[in-house]
Amino acid sequence: MQSFVHLDAGTYTIEASDFPYGPNSWTLGIQATLRPDDGGESITFSPSKYGPKTLPAGTFDTNIFVNTIGDIDVLITPRLYKID
């Protein structure tokens, strides 16, 4: 699942409803990329790096990823919060 939103500059943090393998796992989680309005690209949120970050204005792209074989029955609801 992929989603895009334009963000104003500021400090943001991302949370999810539940990470069944913990927030540092690359088995299942969220990866997000900010594409700044003035160019460039940087990965800003990924496992073990979900904490607050100061971001420039730009397009924010989130992906929920699954790196496993077999059935997974879990609901992940990512939430992006602007702190300032």
N, C-alpha and C. Protein backbone atom coordinates (compact mmCIF):
# COMPACT_ATOMS: atom_id res chain seq x y z
N MET A 1 0.85 -1.16 0.00
CA MET A 1 0.00 0.00 0.00
C MET A 1 0.90 1.23 0.00
N GLN A 2 0.56 2.23 -0.81
CA GLN A 2 1.38 3.43 -0.91
C GLN A 2 0.48 4.65 -0.83
N SER A 3 0.99 5.70 -0.20
CA SER A 3 0.21 6.93 -0.03
C SER A 3 1.14 8.13 -0.13
N PHE A 4 0.65 9.24 -0.69
CA PHE A 4 1.43 10.47 -0.85
C PHE A 4 0.69 11.63 -0.19
N VAL A 5 1.45 12.56 0.39
CA VAL A 5 0.88 13.79 0.93
C VAL A 5 1.94 14.88 0.86
N HIS A 6 1.52 16.14 0.64
CA HIS A 6 2.48 17.26 0.66
C HIS A 6 2.57 17.80 2.08
N LEU A 7 3.80 17.95 2.56
CA LEU A 7 4.03 18.44 3.92
C LEU A 7 4.63 19.84 3.90
N ASP A 8 4.22 20.66 4.84
CA ASP A 8 4.91 21.92 5.11
C ASP A 8 6.17 21.60 5.90
N ALA A 9 7.14 22.47 5.86
CA ALA A 9 8.36 22.27 6.65
C ALA A 9 8.00 22.19 8.13
N GLY A 10 8.71 21.35 8.88
CA GLY A 10 8.47 21.23 10.31
C GLY A 10 9.06 19.94 10.85
N THR A 11 8.79 19.68 12.11
CA THR A 11 9.27 18.46 12.76
C THR A 11 8.11 17.47 12.84
N TYR A 12 8.36 16.24 12.37
CA TYR A 12 7.33 15.21 12.29
C TYR A 12 7.81 13.93 12.95
N THR A 13 6.85 13.11 13.38
CA THR A 13 7.14 11.76 13.85
C THR A 13 6.08 10.84 13.27
N ILE A 14 6.42 9.57 13.11
CA ILE A 14 5.49 8.59 12.57
C ILE A 14 5.29 7.48 13.59
N GLU A 15 4.04 7.02 13.71
CA GLU A 15 3.70 5.92 14.60
C GLU A 15 2.79 4.97 13.84
N ALA A 16 2.65 3.76 14.33
CA ALA A 16 1.72 2.79 13.75
C ALA A 16 0.96 2.11 14.87
N SER A 17 -0.19 1.54 14.50
CA SER A 17 -1.04 0.91 15.50
C SER A 17 -0.35 -0.22 16.25
N ASP A 18 0.38 -1.06 15.53
CA ASP A 18 1.06 -2.17 16.18
C ASP A 18 2.08 -2.76 15.22
N PHE A 19 3.29 -2.95 15.68
CA PHE A 19 4.31 -3.65 14.91
C PHE A 19 4.45 -5.03 15.54
N PRO A 20 3.93 -6.09 14.91
CA PRO A 20 3.96 -7.41 15.55
C PRO A 20 5.36 -7.95 15.80
N TYR A 21 6.35 -7.47 15.06
CA TYR A 21 7.73 -7.92 15.25
C TYR A 21 8.59 -6.83 15.88
N GLY A 22 7.96 -5.77 16.38
CA GLY A 22 8.69 -4.66 16.99
C GLY A 22 9.03 -3.58 15.97
N PRO A 23 9.34 -2.36 16.43
CA PRO A 23 9.58 -1.24 15.53
C PRO A 23 10.93 -1.29 14.81
N ASN A 24 11.79 -2.24 15.12
CA ASN A 24 13.10 -2.33 14.47
C ASN A 24 13.17 -3.44 13.43
N SER A 25 12.06 -4.12 13.18
CA SER A 25 12.06 -5.28 12.29
C SER A 25 11.89 -4.88 10.83
N TRP A 26 12.65 -5.53 9.97
CA TRP A 26 12.47 -5.36 8.52
C TRP A 26 11.58 -6.46 7.95
N THR A 27 10.91 -7.25 8.80
CA THR A 27 9.96 -8.26 8.34
C THR A 27 8.66 -7.62 7.89
N LEU A 28 8.21 -6.62 8.62
CA LEU A 28 6.96 -5.92 8.35
C LEU A 28 7.07 -4.53 8.95
N GLY A 29 6.72 -3.51 8.20
CA GLY A 29 6.81 -2.16 8.76
C GLY A 29 6.47 -1.07 7.77
N ILE A 30 6.96 0.13 8.04
CA ILE A 30 6.69 1.31 7.24
C ILE A 30 8.02 1.92 6.81
N GLN A 31 8.08 2.29 5.55
CA GLN A 31 9.23 3.04 5.05
C GLN A 31 8.67 4.27 4.35
N ALA A 32 9.27 5.42 4.59
CA ALA A 32 8.75 6.67 4.03
C ALA A 32 9.88 7.50 3.45
N THR A 33 9.57 8.18 2.35
CA THR A 33 10.54 9.01 1.65
C THR A 33 9.96 10.42 1.50
N LEU A 34 10.77 11.42 1.78
CA LEU A 34 10.36 12.81 1.52
C LEU A 34 11.11 13.28 0.29
N ARG A 35 10.38 13.83 -0.67
CA ARG A 35 10.98 14.45 -1.86
C ARG A 35 10.82 15.95 -1.71
N PRO A 36 11.89 16.65 -1.31
CA PRO A 36 11.80 18.08 -1.04
C PRO A 36 11.38 18.88 -2.29
N ASP A 37 10.65 19.96 -2.06
CA ASP A 37 10.22 20.83 -3.16
C ASP A 37 11.40 21.39 -3.94
N ASP A 38 12.54 21.59 -3.25
CA ASP A 38 13.70 22.19 -3.92
C ASP A 38 14.66 21.15 -4.50
N GLY A 39 14.22 19.89 -4.62
CA GLY A 39 15.03 18.84 -5.24
C GLY A 39 15.64 17.91 -4.21
N GLY A 40 16.25 16.85 -4.70
CA GLY A 40 16.88 15.88 -3.81
C GLY A 40 15.89 14.83 -3.33
N GLU A 41 16.42 13.81 -2.68
CA GLU A 41 15.58 12.75 -2.12
C GLU A 41 16.26 12.18 -0.89
N SER A 42 15.48 11.92 0.15
CA SER A 42 16.07 11.30 1.33
C SER A 42 15.04 10.40 1.99
N ILE A 43 15.49 9.24 2.44
CA ILE A 43 14.63 8.34 3.21
C ILE A 43 14.63 8.87 4.63
N THR A 44 13.47 9.17 5.14
CA THR A 44 13.41 9.84 6.43
C THR A 44 12.91 8.95 7.57
N PHE A 45 12.09 7.96 7.26
CA PHE A 45 11.57 7.08 8.29
C PHE A 45 11.67 5.63 7.82
N SER A 46 12.21 4.76 8.65
CA SER A 46 12.31 3.33 8.38
C SER A 46 12.51 2.62 9.72
N PRO A 47 12.44 1.29 9.75
CA PRO A 47 12.62 0.61 11.04
C PRO A 47 13.86 1.11 11.78
N SER A 48 13.70 1.30 13.05
CA SER A 48 14.68 1.85 13.99
C SER A 48 14.93 3.34 13.79
N LYS A 49 14.23 3.97 12.85
CA LYS A 49 14.40 5.42 12.60
C LYS A 49 13.05 6.11 12.45
N TYR A 50 12.08 5.74 13.32
CA TYR A 50 10.75 6.34 13.24
C TYR A 50 10.62 7.62 14.07
N GLY A 51 11.61 7.96 14.86
CA GLY A 51 11.51 9.10 15.77
C GLY A 51 11.39 10.44 15.08
N PRO A 52 11.26 11.52 15.86
CA PRO A 52 11.07 12.87 15.32
C PRO A 52 12.20 13.30 14.38
N LYS A 53 11.80 13.96 13.29
CA LYS A 53 12.75 14.47 12.31
C LYS A 53 12.27 15.82 11.81
N THR A 54 13.20 16.74 11.59
CA THR A 54 12.88 18.04 11.00
C THR A 54 12.99 17.90 9.49
N LEU A 55 11.90 18.20 8.79
CA LEU A 55 11.82 18.00 7.35
C LEU A 55 11.55 19.32 6.63
N PRO A 56 12.10 19.48 5.41
CA PRO A 56 11.75 20.62 4.59
C PRO A 56 10.37 20.35 3.96
N ALA A 57 9.79 21.36 3.34
CA ALA A 57 8.53 21.17 2.62
C ALA A 57 8.76 20.22 1.45
N GLY A 58 7.80 19.34 1.20
CA GLY A 58 7.94 18.42 0.08
C GLY A 58 6.86 17.36 0.08
N THR A 59 6.97 16.42 -0.85
CA THR A 59 6.02 15.33 -0.98
C THR A 59 6.50 14.14 -0.17
N PHE A 60 5.64 13.66 0.70
CA PHE A 60 5.94 12.56 1.61
C PHE A 60 5.25 11.32 1.09
N ASP A 61 6.01 10.25 0.89
CA ASP A 61 5.54 9.01 0.30
C ASP A 61 5.74 7.89 1.32
N THR A 62 4.66 7.19 1.70
CA THR A 62 4.79 6.10 2.66
C THR A 62 4.45 4.77 2.02
N ASN A 63 5.14 3.74 2.46
CA ASN A 63 4.91 2.36 2.00
C ASN A 63 4.85 1.44 3.21
N ILE A 64 3.88 0.55 3.22
CA ILE A 64 3.87 -0.53 4.19
C ILE A 64 4.48 -1.73 3.47
N PHE A 65 5.52 -2.33 4.07
CA PHE A 65 6.20 -3.43 3.41
C PHE A 65 6.10 -4.72 4.20
N VAL A 66 6.16 -5.84 3.48
CA VAL A 66 6.17 -7.18 4.07
C VAL A 66 7.31 -7.94 3.41
N ASN A 67 8.28 -8.38 4.22
CA ASN A 67 9.43 -9.14 3.74
C ASN A 67 9.41 -10.53 4.35
N THR A 68 8.38 -11.29 4.05
CA THR A 68 8.27 -12.63 4.61
C THR A 68 7.44 -13.50 3.67
N ILE A 69 7.54 -14.79 3.85
CA ILE A 69 6.74 -15.73 3.09
C ILE A 69 5.72 -16.33 4.04
N GLY A 70 4.49 -16.45 3.59
CA GLY A 70 3.45 -17.03 4.42
C GLY A 70 2.37 -16.02 4.72
N ASP A 71 1.44 -16.43 5.54
CA ASP A 71 0.30 -15.59 5.89
C ASP A 71 0.67 -14.61 6.99
N ILE A 72 0.17 -13.38 6.83
CA ILE A 72 0.30 -12.38 7.89
C ILE A 72 -1.08 -11.78 8.10
N ASP A 73 -1.55 -11.82 9.31
CA ASP A 73 -2.86 -11.27 9.65
C ASP A 73 -2.65 -10.16 10.67
N VAL A 74 -2.46 -8.94 10.16
CA VAL A 74 -2.18 -7.81 11.05
C VAL A 74 -2.72 -6.54 10.40
N LEU A 75 -3.15 -5.62 11.20
CA LEU A 75 -3.61 -4.31 10.73
C LEU A 75 -2.59 -3.27 11.18
N ILE A 76 -2.00 -2.56 10.22
CA ILE A 76 -1.06 -1.48 10.54
C ILE A 76 -1.67 -0.18 10.04
N THR A 77 -1.77 0.78 10.93
CA THR A 77 -2.30 2.09 10.59
C THR A 77 -1.23 3.14 10.87
N PRO A 78 -0.48 3.56 9.84
CA PRO A 78 0.54 4.58 10.08
C PRO A 78 -0.10 5.94 10.35
N ARG A 79 0.51 6.68 11.28
CA ARG A 79 0.04 8.03 11.59
C ARG A 79 1.25 8.96 11.60
N LEU A 80 1.13 10.05 10.88
CA LEU A 80 2.18 11.05 10.83
C LEU A 80 1.72 12.24 11.65
N TYR A 81 2.55 12.66 12.60
CA TYR A 81 2.21 13.78 13.48
C TYR A 81 3.19 14.92 13.26
N LYS A 82 2.67 16.12 13.14
CA LYS A 82 3.53 17.30 13.09
C LYS A 82 3.69 17.81 14.52
N ILE A 83 4.94 17.88 14.96
CA ILE A 83 5.23 18.28 16.34
C ILE A 83 5.28 19.80 16.47
N ASP A 84 5.85 20.48 15.46
CA ASP A 84 5.87 21.96 15.48
C ASP A 84 5.60 22.52 14.13
